[in-house]
Protein backbone atom coordinates (compact mmCIF):
# COMPACT_ATOMS: atom_id res chain seq x y z
CA UNK A 1 97.85 -41.58 20.27
CA UNK A 2 97.52 -38.17 19.14
CA UNK A 3 99.13 -38.79 15.75
CA UNK A 4 97.05 -42.09 15.07
CA UNK A 5 93.64 -39.58 15.95
CA UNK A 6 94.89 -36.93 13.70
CA UNK A 7 95.31 -39.46 10.77
CA UNK A 8 91.96 -40.48 11.05
CA UNK A 9 90.38 -37.03 11.02
CA UNK A 10 92.44 -35.85 8.15
CA UNK A 11 91.68 -39.47 6.52
CA UNK A 12 88.08 -39.05 7.06
CA UNK A 13 87.62 -35.24 6.28
CA UNK A 14 89.69 -35.52 3.12
CA UNK A 15 87.11 -38.74 1.99
CA UNK A 16 84.56 -36.39 2.64
CA UNK A 17 86.22 -33.25 0.48
CA UNK A 18 86.23 -35.66 -2.45
CA UNK A 19 82.56 -37.26 -1.65
CA UNK A 20 81.55 -33.19 -1.93
CA UNK A 21 83.42 -32.53 -5.16
CA UNK A 22 82.37 -35.43 -6.97
CA UNK A 23 78.86 -34.92 -5.49
CA UNK A 24 76.16 -34.90 -8.44
CA UNK A 25 78.48 -36.90 -10.91
CA UNK A 26 78.57 -39.69 -8.38
CA UNK A 27 75.93 -42.31 -8.37
CA UNK A 28 74.49 -43.11 -4.63
CA UNK A 29 75.41 -46.37 -2.79
CA UNK A 30 74.17 -49.31 -3.84
CA UNK A 31 73.72 -51.10 -0.44
CA UNK A 32 70.55 -50.11 0.86
CA UNK A 33 69.27 -50.29 4.30
CA UNK A 34 65.95 -50.05 6.23
CA UNK A 35 64.15 -46.54 6.47
CA UNK A 36 64.20 -45.53 9.61
CA UNK A 37 62.18 -42.38 9.55
CA UNK A 38 61.59 -39.86 7.09
CA UNK A 39 62.39 -36.25 5.59
CA UNK A 40 60.73 -32.80 5.44
CA UNK A 41 61.34 -30.85 1.70
CA UNK A 42 61.76 -27.18 3.47
CA UNK A 43 60.06 -24.66 1.75
CA UNK A 44 57.09 -26.77 1.11
CA UNK A 45 56.67 -24.83 -1.92
CA UNK A 46 59.09 -23.43 -4.09
CA UNK A 47 60.65 -23.25 -7.67
CA UNK A 48 63.47 -24.85 -9.74
CA UNK A 49 65.49 -22.40 -9.01
CA UNK A 50 64.75 -22.40 -5.12
CA UNK A 51 67.36 -23.25 -1.91
CA UNK A 52 66.05 -26.72 -0.25
CA UNK A 53 66.76 -27.93 2.95
CA UNK A 54 65.59 -31.08 4.33
CA UNK A 55 64.95 -32.08 8.21
CA UNK A 56 64.92 -35.84 8.94
CA UNK A 57 62.58 -36.67 11.70
CA UNK A 58 65.29 -38.49 13.99
CA UNK A 59 68.98 -38.40 14.42
CA UNK A 60 71.00 -41.10 12.63
CA UNK A 61 71.74 -44.48 14.75
CA UNK A 62 74.45 -45.17 17.19
CA UNK A 63 77.63 -45.66 15.03
CA UNK A 64 76.90 -43.21 12.05
CA UNK A 65 79.45 -40.44 11.09
CA UNK A 66 78.21 -39.18 8.30
CA UNK A 67 75.29 -38.48 5.76
CA UNK A 68 75.31 -38.78 2.03
CA UNK A 69 71.52 -37.42 0.36
CA UNK A 70 70.48 -38.43 -3.18
CA UNK A 71 68.02 -37.76 -5.55
CA UNK A 72 65.83 -39.81 -7.97
CA UNK A 73 63.20 -39.24 -10.52
CA UNK A 74 62.62 -38.18 -13.82
CA UNK A 75 65.90 -37.81 -15.65
CA UNK A 76 68.09 -38.76 -13.04
CA UNK A 77 69.73 -42.03 -12.89
CA UNK A 78 67.67 -44.93 -11.60
CA UNK A 79 70.11 -45.80 -8.94
CA UNK A 80 69.73 -41.90 -7.84
CA UNK A 81 72.62 -38.49 -8.05
CA UNK A 82 74.07 -37.69 -5.83
CA UNK A 83 73.23 -33.78 -4.11
CA UNK A 84 75.11 -33.71 -0.71
CA UNK A 85 78.43 -35.56 -0.83
CA UNK A 86 79.87 -37.84 2.12
CA UNK A 87 79.82 -35.27 5.07
CA UNK A 88 80.07 -35.19 8.92
CA UNK A 89 77.14 -35.20 10.57
CA UNK A 90 78.85 -33.11 13.26
CA UNK A 91 78.75 -30.09 10.22
CA UNK A 92 74.66 -29.71 10.50
CA UNK A 93 72.53 -28.37 12.36
CA UNK A 94 70.15 -30.31 14.66
CA UNK A 95 65.96 -29.90 14.64
CA UNK A 96 64.09 -29.71 18.15
CA UNK A 97 62.83 -32.99 17.66
CA UNK A 98 66.57 -34.20 17.21
CA UNK A 99 66.68 -34.97 13.80
CA UNK A 100 69.24 -33.36 11.32
CA UNK A 101 68.42 -29.72 9.34
CA UNK A 102 70.89 -30.51 6.04
CA UNK A 103 70.94 -27.93 2.88
CA UNK A 104 71.33 -29.20 -0.66
CA UNK A 105 74.62 -27.84 -2.16
CA UNK A 106 72.44 -26.63 -5.60
CA UNK A 107 69.03 -25.62 -7.11
CA UNK A 108 66.51 -28.54 -8.60
CA UNK A 109 67.94 -26.90 -11.59
CA UNK A 110 71.20 -27.27 -11.48
CA UNK A 111 71.23 -30.78 -10.49
CA UNK A 112 68.79 -31.21 -13.71
CA UNK A 113 71.72 -29.32 -15.79
CA UNK A 114 74.13 -31.67 -14.32
CA UNK A 115 72.33 -35.00 -15.02
CA UNK A 116 71.53 -33.47 -18.61
CA UNK A 117 67.74 -32.63 -18.84
CA UNK A 118 65.45 -29.68 -18.64
CA UNK A 119 62.41 -30.82 -17.85
CA UNK A 120 61.54 -31.42 -14.42
CA UNK A 121 58.19 -33.09 -13.66
CA UNK A 122 56.56 -35.21 -11.49
CA UNK A 123 57.83 -37.07 -8.52
CA UNK A 124 61.53 -36.55 -6.95
CA UNK A 125 62.71 -38.56 -4.11
CA UNK A 126 65.63 -36.93 -1.76
CA UNK A 127 67.03 -40.15 0.41
CA UNK A 128 69.11 -38.93 3.58
CA UNK A 129 71.87 -41.93 4.29
CA UNK A 130 73.40 -41.98 7.50
CA UNK A 131 76.69 -44.16 7.01
CA UNK A 132 80.38 -44.19 8.30
CA UNK A 133 83.22 -42.13 6.76
CA UNK A 134 84.43 -44.82 4.50
CA UNK A 135 82.16 -47.24 4.73
CA UNK A 136 79.05 -47.07 1.86
CA UNK A 137 76.88 -49.47 3.90
CA UNK A 138 73.86 -47.26 5.03
CA UNK A 139 72.45 -47.51 8.16
CA UNK A 140 69.66 -46.29 7.81
CA UNK A 141 67.75 -43.85 5.27
CA UNK A 142 64.95 -40.74 5.51
CA UNK A 143 63.27 -40.30 2.68
CA UNK A 144 61.62 -37.34 1.56
CA UNK A 145 59.53 -36.11 -1.67
CA UNK A 146 58.59 -33.15 -4.06
CA UNK A 147 55.95 -32.84 -7.40
CA UNK A 148 56.99 -30.41 -10.12
CA UNK A 149 53.71 -29.64 -11.04
CA UNK A 150 55.06 -27.45 -14.00
CA UNK A 151 59.07 -27.20 -15.38
CA UNK A 152 59.77 -24.53 -12.56
CA UNK A 153 57.49 -24.71 -9.68
CA UNK A 154 56.95 -27.70 -6.99
CA UNK A 155 55.68 -28.95 -3.71
CA UNK A 156 56.02 -30.99 -0.86
CA UNK A 157 52.90 -32.87 -1.39
CA UNK A 158 51.57 -35.67 -3.57
CA UNK A 159 48.47 -33.45 -6.00
CA UNK A 160 47.21 -36.51 -6.43
CA UNK A 161 46.99 -38.16 -2.84
CA UNK A 162 43.75 -38.26 -1.13
CA UNK A 163 43.23 -37.40 2.51
CA UNK A 164 41.40 -39.33 4.35
CA UNK A 165 39.36 -37.16 7.23
CA UNK A 166 37.60 -37.76 10.43
CA UNK A 167 34.32 -36.14 11.34
CA UNK A 168 33.32 -36.05 15.16
CA UNK A 169 30.13 -34.74 16.64
CA UNK A 170 29.00 -33.04 19.97
CA UNK A 171 25.69 -32.53 21.29
CA UNK A 172 24.62 -29.66 23.61
CA UNK A 173 22.77 -30.10 26.04
CA UNK A 174 23.55 -33.20 27.20
CA UNK A 175 20.11 -35.83 26.80
CA UNK A 176 17.70 -36.37 27.95
CA UNK A 177 16.01 -32.70 27.42
CA UNK A 178 12.25 -31.43 27.04
CA UNK A 179 10.40 -31.04 23.18
CA UNK A 180 11.19 -27.58 22.12
CA UNK A 181 14.64 -26.85 23.43
CA UNK A 182 17.03 -25.83 21.39
CA UNK A 183 20.20 -28.24 21.04
CA UNK A 184 23.17 -27.17 19.36
CA UNK A 185 25.15 -30.02 17.04
CA UNK A 186 29.00 -29.02 16.63
CA UNK A 187 30.94 -31.34 13.84
CA UNK A 188 34.54 -31.10 14.02
CA UNK A 189 35.91 -32.06 10.97
CA UNK A 190 39.94 -33.03 11.25
CA UNK A 191 42.20 -31.82 9.30
CA UNK A 192 41.01 -28.48 9.78
CA UNK A 193 41.94 -27.01 6.31
CA UNK A 194 39.36 -29.59 4.60
CA UNK A 195 37.06 -27.75 2.98
CA UNK A 196 33.37 -28.70 2.24
CA UNK A 197 29.81 -28.76 4.28
CA UNK A 198 28.17 -31.08 6.79
CA UNK A 199 24.57 -32.16 6.18
CA UNK A 200 23.27 -33.26 10.16
CA UNK A 201 21.09 -36.53 10.51
CA UNK A 202 18.44 -37.84 12.64
CA UNK A 203 17.90 -41.11 11.97
CA UNK A 204 19.32 -40.82 9.20
CA UNK A 205 17.10 -38.33 8.11
CA UNK A 206 18.30 -34.58 7.03
CA UNK A 207 18.23 -32.06 9.55
CA UNK A 208 17.98 -28.89 8.20
CA UNK A 209 20.36 -27.98 5.21
CA UNK A 210 24.06 -28.43 4.75
CA UNK A 211 26.44 -26.41 6.61
CA UNK A 212 29.97 -24.84 5.43
CA UNK A 213 32.98 -26.01 7.70
CA UNK A 214 35.09 -23.05 8.61
CA UNK A 215 37.65 -23.55 10.40
CA UNK A 216 37.07 -27.18 10.72
CA UNK A 217 33.65 -27.23 12.51
CA UNK A 218 30.47 -26.98 11.08
CA UNK A 219 27.21 -26.14 13.44
CA UNK A 220 23.73 -26.44 13.62
CA UNK A 221 21.04 -25.32 16.13
CA UNK A 222 17.25 -27.06 16.28
CA UNK A 223 14.13 -27.18 18.20
CA UNK A 224 12.66 -29.60 16.45
CA UNK A 225 13.56 -32.56 17.67
CA UNK A 226 10.38 -34.70 18.52
CA UNK A 227 10.12 -36.53 21.62
CA UNK A 228 11.95 -39.97 21.85
CA UNK A 229 15.43 -41.46 21.04
CA UNK A 230 17.27 -39.85 18.24
CA UNK A 231 20.77 -41.20 16.68
CA UNK A 232 22.25 -38.30 15.52
CA UNK A 233 25.13 -37.90 12.84
CA UNK A 234 27.26 -35.71 10.88
CA UNK A 235 28.08 -36.57 7.37
CA UNK A 236 31.06 -34.37 5.56
CA UNK A 237 31.08 -33.94 2.29
CA UNK A 238 34.70 -32.65 1.10
CA UNK A 239 34.33 -29.49 -1.36
CA UNK A 240 36.95 -30.78 -3.88
CA UNK A 241 39.24 -34.29 -4.63
CA UNK A 242 41.62 -33.93 -2.23
CA UNK A 243 40.11 -35.36 1.05
CA UNK A 244 37.70 -38.03 1.58
CA UNK A 245 34.49 -37.57 2.89
CA UNK A 246 33.66 -39.10 6.84
CA UNK A 247 30.54 -39.77 8.81
CA UNK A 248 30.84 -39.32 12.84
CA UNK A 249 29.85 -42.06 15.54
CA UNK A 250 26.19 -41.58 16.33
CA UNK A 251 25.16 -39.83 19.71
CA UNK A 252 22.03 -40.99 20.98
CA UNK A 253 20.10 -38.59 22.14
CA UNK A 254 16.57 -38.51 24.33
CA UNK A 255 13.92 -36.30 23.90
CA UNK A 256 11.16 -35.91 26.45
CA UNK A 257 7.57 -34.62 25.42
CA UNK A 258 7.04 -31.65 26.89
CA UNK A 259 4.04 -31.02 29.05
CA UNK A 260 0.72 -30.40 27.77
CA UNK A 261 0.31 -26.30 27.66
CA UNK A 262 -3.02 -25.02 30.04
CA UNK A 263 -5.89 -23.45 27.87
CA UNK A 264 -8.51 -20.81 28.82
CA UNK A 265 -11.93 -20.58 27.05
CA UNK A 266 -13.80 -17.73 26.89
CA UNK A 267 -17.52 -16.91 25.53
CA UNK A 268 -19.20 -13.95 24.36
CA UNK A 269 -22.76 -14.06 23.25
CA UNK A 270 -24.82 -11.65 21.20
CA UNK A 271 -27.30 -9.88 21.61
CA UNK A 272 -26.26 -9.85 25.21
CA UNK A 273 -29.02 -11.58 27.20
CA UNK A 274 -32.01 -11.91 26.00
CA UNK A 275 -33.26 -12.23 22.40
CA UNK A 276 -37.06 -13.23 20.87
CA UNK A 277 -37.52 -16.90 19.83
CA UNK A 278 -36.38 -17.44 16.19
CA UNK A 279 -34.09 -14.40 15.64
CA UNK A 280 -30.38 -14.91 15.11
CA UNK A 281 -27.86 -15.41 18.39
CA UNK A 282 -24.44 -15.38 17.70
CA UNK A 283 -21.63 -16.99 20.03
CA UNK A 284 -17.92 -16.15 19.90
CA UNK A 285 -15.54 -18.43 21.63
CA UNK A 286 -11.96 -17.23 22.20
CA UNK A 287 -9.13 -19.77 23.26
CA UNK A 288 -5.43 -19.10 24.73
CA UNK A 289 -2.87 -19.41 23.53
CA UNK A 290 -4.42 -18.58 20.25
CA UNK A 291 -1.71 -21.42 18.73
CA UNK A 292 -3.53 -24.19 20.24
CA UNK A 293 -5.13 -26.28 17.23
CA UNK A 294 -8.47 -27.92 18.34
CA UNK A 295 -12.20 -27.27 18.20
CA UNK A 296 -15.17 -25.67 20.31
CA UNK A 297 -17.83 -27.46 21.24
CA UNK A 298 -20.83 -24.77 22.07
CA UNK A 299 -23.47 -26.47 24.26
CA UNK A 300 -27.22 -25.10 25.95
CA UNK A 301 -28.41 -26.57 29.10
CA UNK A 302 -32.08 -25.72 29.06
CA UNK A 303 -34.04 -27.42 33.01
CA UNK A 304 -30.62 -29.36 33.80
CA UNK A 305 -30.07 -30.97 30.59
CA UNK A 306 -27.17 -30.54 28.54
CA UNK A 307 -27.18 -30.51 24.14
CA UNK A 308 -24.47 -29.67 21.84
CA UNK A 309 -25.37 -26.77 19.27
CA UNK A 310 -22.76 -27.33 16.87
CA UNK A 311 -18.86 -27.92 16.73
CA UNK A 312 -16.69 -25.41 15.19
CA UNK A 313 -12.88 -25.59 14.34
CA UNK A 314 -10.74 -23.08 16.21
CA UNK A 315 -8.43 -20.44 13.40
CA UNK A 316 -6.34 -18.10 15.23
CA UNK A 317 -7.72 -18.62 18.80
CA UNK A 318 -11.40 -18.47 17.48
CA UNK A 319 -14.34 -20.01 16.89
CA UNK A 320 -17.79 -18.87 15.80
CA UNK A 321 -21.33 -20.31 15.81
CA UNK A 322 -24.95 -18.50 15.10
CA UNK A 323 -28.15 -20.22 15.78
CA UNK A 324 -32.05 -19.06 15.47
CA UNK A 325 -33.61 -22.62 16.61
CA UNK A 326 -33.73 -21.54 20.80
CA UNK A 327 -36.67 -22.28 22.32
CA UNK A 328 -38.50 -20.07 24.53
CA UNK A 329 -37.73 -19.86 27.85
CA UNK A 330 -34.35 -19.94 29.99
CA UNK A 331 -30.37 -21.12 28.54
CA UNK A 332 -27.41 -21.57 30.18
CA UNK A 333 -24.44 -21.13 27.32
CA UNK A 334 -21.01 -22.93 27.61
CA UNK A 335 -18.00 -23.33 24.76
CA UNK A 336 -16.05 -26.15 25.41
CA UNK A 337 -12.70 -26.46 23.88
CA UNK A 338 -11.41 -30.03 22.47
CA UNK A 339 -7.77 -29.78 21.83
CA UNK A 340 -6.46 -31.48 18.44
CA UNK A 341 -3.35 -33.09 20.17
CA UNK A 342 -4.03 -33.69 23.83
CA UNK A 343 -0.37 -34.19 24.41
CA UNK A 344 0.53 -30.65 23.76
CA UNK A 345 -2.76 -28.52 25.15
CA UNK A 346 -5.01 -29.30 27.51
CA UNK A 347 -8.62 -28.84 27.02
CA UNK A 348 -10.96 -26.05 28.88
CA UNK A 349 -14.54 -25.05 29.44
CA UNK A 350 -16.03 -21.54 29.61
CA UNK A 351 -17.69 -19.78 32.15
CA UNK A 352 -21.36 -20.35 31.42
CA UNK A 353 -23.74 -17.48 30.14
CA UNK A 354 -27.27 -16.99 31.12
CA UNK A 355 -29.59 -16.58 28.46
CA UNK A 356 -33.25 -16.01 28.04
CA UNK A 357 -35.48 -16.69 24.76
CA UNK A 358 -38.57 -14.19 25.13
CA UNK A 359 -41.48 -15.14 23.05
CA UNK A 360 -41.81 -15.08 19.36
CA UNK A 361 -43.53 -11.28 18.60
CA UNK A 362 -44.44 -12.32 15.02
CA UNK A 363 -42.72 -10.46 11.74
CA UNK A 364 -43.64 -7.05 10.38
CA UNK A 365 -43.53 -5.29 7.10
CA UNK A 366 -43.73 -1.56 6.48
CA UNK A 367 -44.64 0.68 3.99
CA UNK A 368 -43.67 4.58 3.60
CA UNK A 369 -46.51 7.02 3.39
CA UNK A 370 -45.82 10.43 1.95
CA UNK A 371 -47.37 13.66 1.54
CA UNK A 372 -46.07 17.35 1.23
CA UNK A 373 -47.76 20.11 3.57
CA UNK A 374 -48.05 23.60 1.99
CA UNK A 375 -46.81 26.65 4.04
CA UNK A 376 -50.36 28.29 3.90
CA UNK A 377 -50.87 31.89 4.52
CA UNK A 378 -52.21 34.15 7.65
CA UNK A 379 -55.11 36.79 4.94
CA UNK A 380 -56.67 39.89 6.46
CA UNK A 381 -59.28 41.56 4.52
CA UNK A 382 -62.33 43.90 4.81
CA UNK A 383 -65.60 43.86 2.97
CA UNK A 384 -65.72 47.48 2.91
CA UNK A 385 -62.55 49.87 3.63
CA UNK A 386 -64.86 53.19 4.26
CA UNK A 387 -66.64 53.82 7.35
CA UNK A 388 -68.83 57.36 8.10
CA UNK A 389 -69.44 57.95 11.79
CA UNK A 390 -72.23 60.60 12.32
CA UNK A 391 -71.23 64.17 12.54
CA UNK A 392 -70.09 64.81 15.98
CA UNK A 393 -72.31 66.76 18.43
CA UNK A 394 -72.15 68.74 21.60
CA UNK A 395 -72.20 66.39 24.52
CA UNK A 396 -73.86 66.86 27.86
CA UNK A 397 -71.33 68.66 29.01
CA UNK A 398 -71.02 70.66 26.45
CA UNK A 399 -67.08 70.69 26.67
CA UNK A 400 -66.73 67.99 23.45
CA UNK A 401 -67.68 66.94 20.32
CA UNK A 402 -69.10 63.34 20.34
CA UNK A 403 -69.95 61.03 17.40
CA UNK A 404 -69.73 56.90 17.50
CA UNK A 405 -69.84 54.27 14.89
CA UNK A 406 -68.29 50.91 13.87
CA UNK A 407 -65.52 49.98 11.85
CA UNK A 408 -66.71 47.21 8.80
CA UNK A 409 -65.85 43.44 9.61
CA UNK A 410 -62.57 42.59 9.45
CA UNK A 411 -62.09 38.81 7.95
CA UNK A 412 -58.67 37.03 9.18
CA UNK A 413 -58.39 33.41 8.02
CA UNK A 414 -55.12 31.33 8.96
CA UNK A 415 -53.96 28.56 7.09
CA UNK A 416 -50.39 28.02 7.64
CA UNK A 417 -48.84 24.92 8.33
CA UNK A 418 -47.61 24.66 12.17
CA UNK A 419 -50.76 26.39 13.66
CA UNK A 420 -48.38 29.11 14.62
CA UNK A 421 -50.83 31.35 16.23
CA UNK A 422 -52.16 34.93 15.05
CA UNK A 423 -52.89 38.76 16.85
CA UNK A 424 -54.27 41.62 14.92
CA UNK A 425 -53.64 44.96 15.78
CA UNK A 426 -54.82 48.60 14.62
CA UNK A 427 -53.50 52.65 14.79
CA UNK A 428 -54.86 55.47 13.15
CA UNK A 429 -53.12 58.85 11.77
CA UNK A 430 -54.42 62.28 12.56
CA UNK A 431 -57.99 62.97 10.94
CA UNK A 432 -57.20 65.83 8.47
CA UNK A 433 -59.85 67.65 6.35
CA UNK A 434 -57.04 67.92 3.61
CA UNK A 435 -55.95 71.64 4.65
CA UNK A 436 -54.45 72.53 7.60
CA UNK A 437 -56.67 71.77 9.90
CA UNK A 438 -56.45 68.71 11.88
CA UNK A 439 -58.73 66.43 14.92
CA UNK A 440 -55.46 64.69 16.98
CA UNK A 441 -56.06 60.74 16.44
CA UNK A 442 -55.46 59.89 20.40
CA UNK A 443 -59.55 61.16 20.02
CA UNK A 444 -60.54 58.15 18.53
CA UNK A 445 -61.76 55.18 20.79
CA UNK A 446 -62.77 51.71 20.45
CA UNK A 447 -64.22 48.61 22.08
CA UNK A 448 -63.21 45.38 19.87
CA UNK A 449 -65.25 42.42 19.18
CA UNK A 450 -65.72 38.90 18.05
CA UNK A 451 -68.33 38.15 15.52
CA UNK A 452 -67.54 34.78 14.35
CA UNK A 453 -65.38 32.44 14.00
CA UNK A 454 -64.03 28.74 13.02
CA UNK A 455 -64.85 25.65 15.15
CA UNK A 456 -60.87 24.81 15.55
CA UNK A 457 -60.14 28.17 16.55
CA UNK A 458 -60.10 29.96 19.89
CA UNK A 459 -60.17 33.74 19.55
CA UNK A 460 -59.72 36.52 22.20
CA UNK A 461 -60.81 40.23 21.34
CA UNK A 462 -58.18 43.14 22.70
CA UNK A 463 -59.50 45.28 25.22
CA UNK A 464 -61.52 48.66 25.18
CA UNK A 465 -59.26 51.45 24.29
CA UNK A 466 -60.81 54.73 25.75
CA UNK A 467 -60.72 58.04 23.33
CA UNK A 468 -58.98 60.79 24.71
CA UNK A 469 -60.92 64.02 26.19
CA UNK A 470 -60.52 66.06 23.27
CA UNK A 471 -57.05 66.86 23.25
CA UNK A 472 -55.07 69.90 20.78
CA UNK A 473 -54.13 68.58 17.25
CA UNK A 474 -50.59 69.34 18.00
CA UNK A 475 -50.10 66.70 21.14
CA UNK A 476 -47.39 64.41 21.10
CA UNK A 477 -49.35 62.24 23.56
CA UNK A 478 -50.25 58.13 22.72
CA UNK A 479 -53.77 57.75 24.22
CA UNK A 480 -56.73 56.21 21.86
CA UNK A 481 -55.78 54.38 19.11
CA UNK A 482 -52.74 56.98 17.89
CA UNK A 483 -50.57 54.29 19.40
CA UNK A 484 -51.02 50.34 17.95
CA UNK A 485 -53.73 48.66 19.95
CA UNK A 486 -55.12 44.76 19.68
CA UNK A 487 -58.06 44.24 17.90
CA UNK A 488 -57.64 40.20 18.92
CA UNK A 489 -55.60 37.11 19.08
CA UNK A 490 -56.02 33.65 18.49
CA UNK A 491 -55.07 29.74 17.68
CA UNK A 492 -56.31 27.49 15.42
CA UNK A 493 -56.68 27.32 11.71
CA UNK A 494 -59.80 28.71 10.05
CA UNK A 495 -61.45 31.67 9.57
CA UNK A 496 -62.50 34.59 12.37
CA UNK A 497 -64.99 37.96 11.71
CA UNK A 498 -63.52 40.32 13.92
CA UNK A 499 -65.33 44.13 14.46
CA UNK A 500 -64.92 46.93 16.94
CA UNK A 501 -67.49 50.10 18.25
CA UNK A 502 -66.04 53.43 17.85
CA UNK A 503 -65.73 56.58 19.63
CA UNK A 504 -64.36 60.03 18.91
CA UNK A 505 -64.49 62.48 21.11
CA UNK A 506 -62.90 66.12 19.15
CA UNK A 507 -62.38 69.59 20.82
CA UNK A 508 -65.28 72.41 20.76
CA UNK A 509 -63.08 74.26 18.88
CA UNK A 510 -62.84 72.03 15.91
CA UNK A 511 -63.07 73.88 12.54
CA UNK A 512 -66.28 72.73 10.49
CA UNK A 513 -65.67 70.31 7.85
CA UNK A 514 -64.93 66.54 6.68
CA UNK A 515 -62.53 65.32 8.53
CA UNK A 516 -60.34 61.69 7.52
CA UNK A 517 -58.26 59.42 9.19
CA UNK A 518 -56.64 55.91 8.22
CA UNK A 519 -56.60 52.88 10.43
CA UNK A 520 -54.13 50.48 9.49
CA UNK A 521 -55.04 46.71 10.95
CA UNK A 522 -51.88 44.66 11.16
CA UNK A 523 -52.05 40.60 11.66
CA UNK A 524 -49.08 38.67 12.75
């Protein structure tokens, strides 16, 4: 029994070895069986000199003990050329799926050289055939293909094949929602490698612009879905020719109308409170929220009867109206907001503003009348600047040399604008004989008087000033007219004439001679 088993194994091994040695020149067996799976070429892309292995999608059927691998395509025999000889299944590794992992014994360039051609191009198909050691009949085949896109490079996918895609759509949050709620549409495209854009549609109409697919997904957030029913879809358009486009199943979605927003209206009237008839009265209504569209009806209630003054469209939350046609009497103004869309906003009425329109006061015109008032002047003058007093005589007491007289009339004229008033004062120097002899100015006194005045003037003479009692020339006192004394003061514009009676009391020691003093009259 042992001898028979060894003989069989030896026979199988020799047959396998012969098949391997003949690989590349031995044609594949003619007997064909049904494909029982597929094989995958690794690596997926490579060169004509790359090492290649095949992994079958499943194990060979029960009863199969060996495999043989052949290749067909441009340059190879029509029946195929063996690239792996008749080899025991047990000599290969096993994939997690249960399939065989079969490395090719040489490169595609080697196989082309053996077949006698140099240009690798187009599709080449490998076929893993499950069989017994000595029976060439196939028990099942696993095909795998590669495509040479140049003489030296290949890939394991058909460059001309177009892959179908599938697009699904998810919408969040679940309907129904209130109008204005942000709604998120998420499209998922399979396979995820498919690049392109998704156009979201609402009842067939574009919803926003196309969205680029990233990692198999595209997303759009919108608050623009109006109240009512919606059929939402996602349409995938591939970026290249390798994939077919696809459209998701429509998602039925319901949006309910949002409740109407309450508004408030305020009214301001200018001028405030009252105006005379026929004068303009302005009314300004402020509507909140400012986004509320509609118009304002300005109303006037008089004696229990309400009428509409005018209707104005709201712009930026405000509407204004001006009228000059209000009748005389009591009024009550209100502003009524009328929304353009009652489903979006509710109407509102302002509080009443009481108003009084007074009687018409007529109209006026005016003219400017201009004149220039000159500054005017204050002028003082005397007709004769020389006054001569009689020679002094010894008085009855025998202690003074006395004389008397009067100053010449003084003319005072005031034409100054504004009627500031005036005063006149006088002050005398010592009397001198032109030499070394003096009579002290304190010895001269006066009694001021008013001679006449203008009708609009008020004049008051100054107080009487007594002459000193013959004080000596060197006396430094301030009696008499040696100090400034008032002659008169007055108000009003015009001309006044002033005078004063003089009295001089010189000491008896006065040396004979002609004495002269200067009386200075000052008007301010």
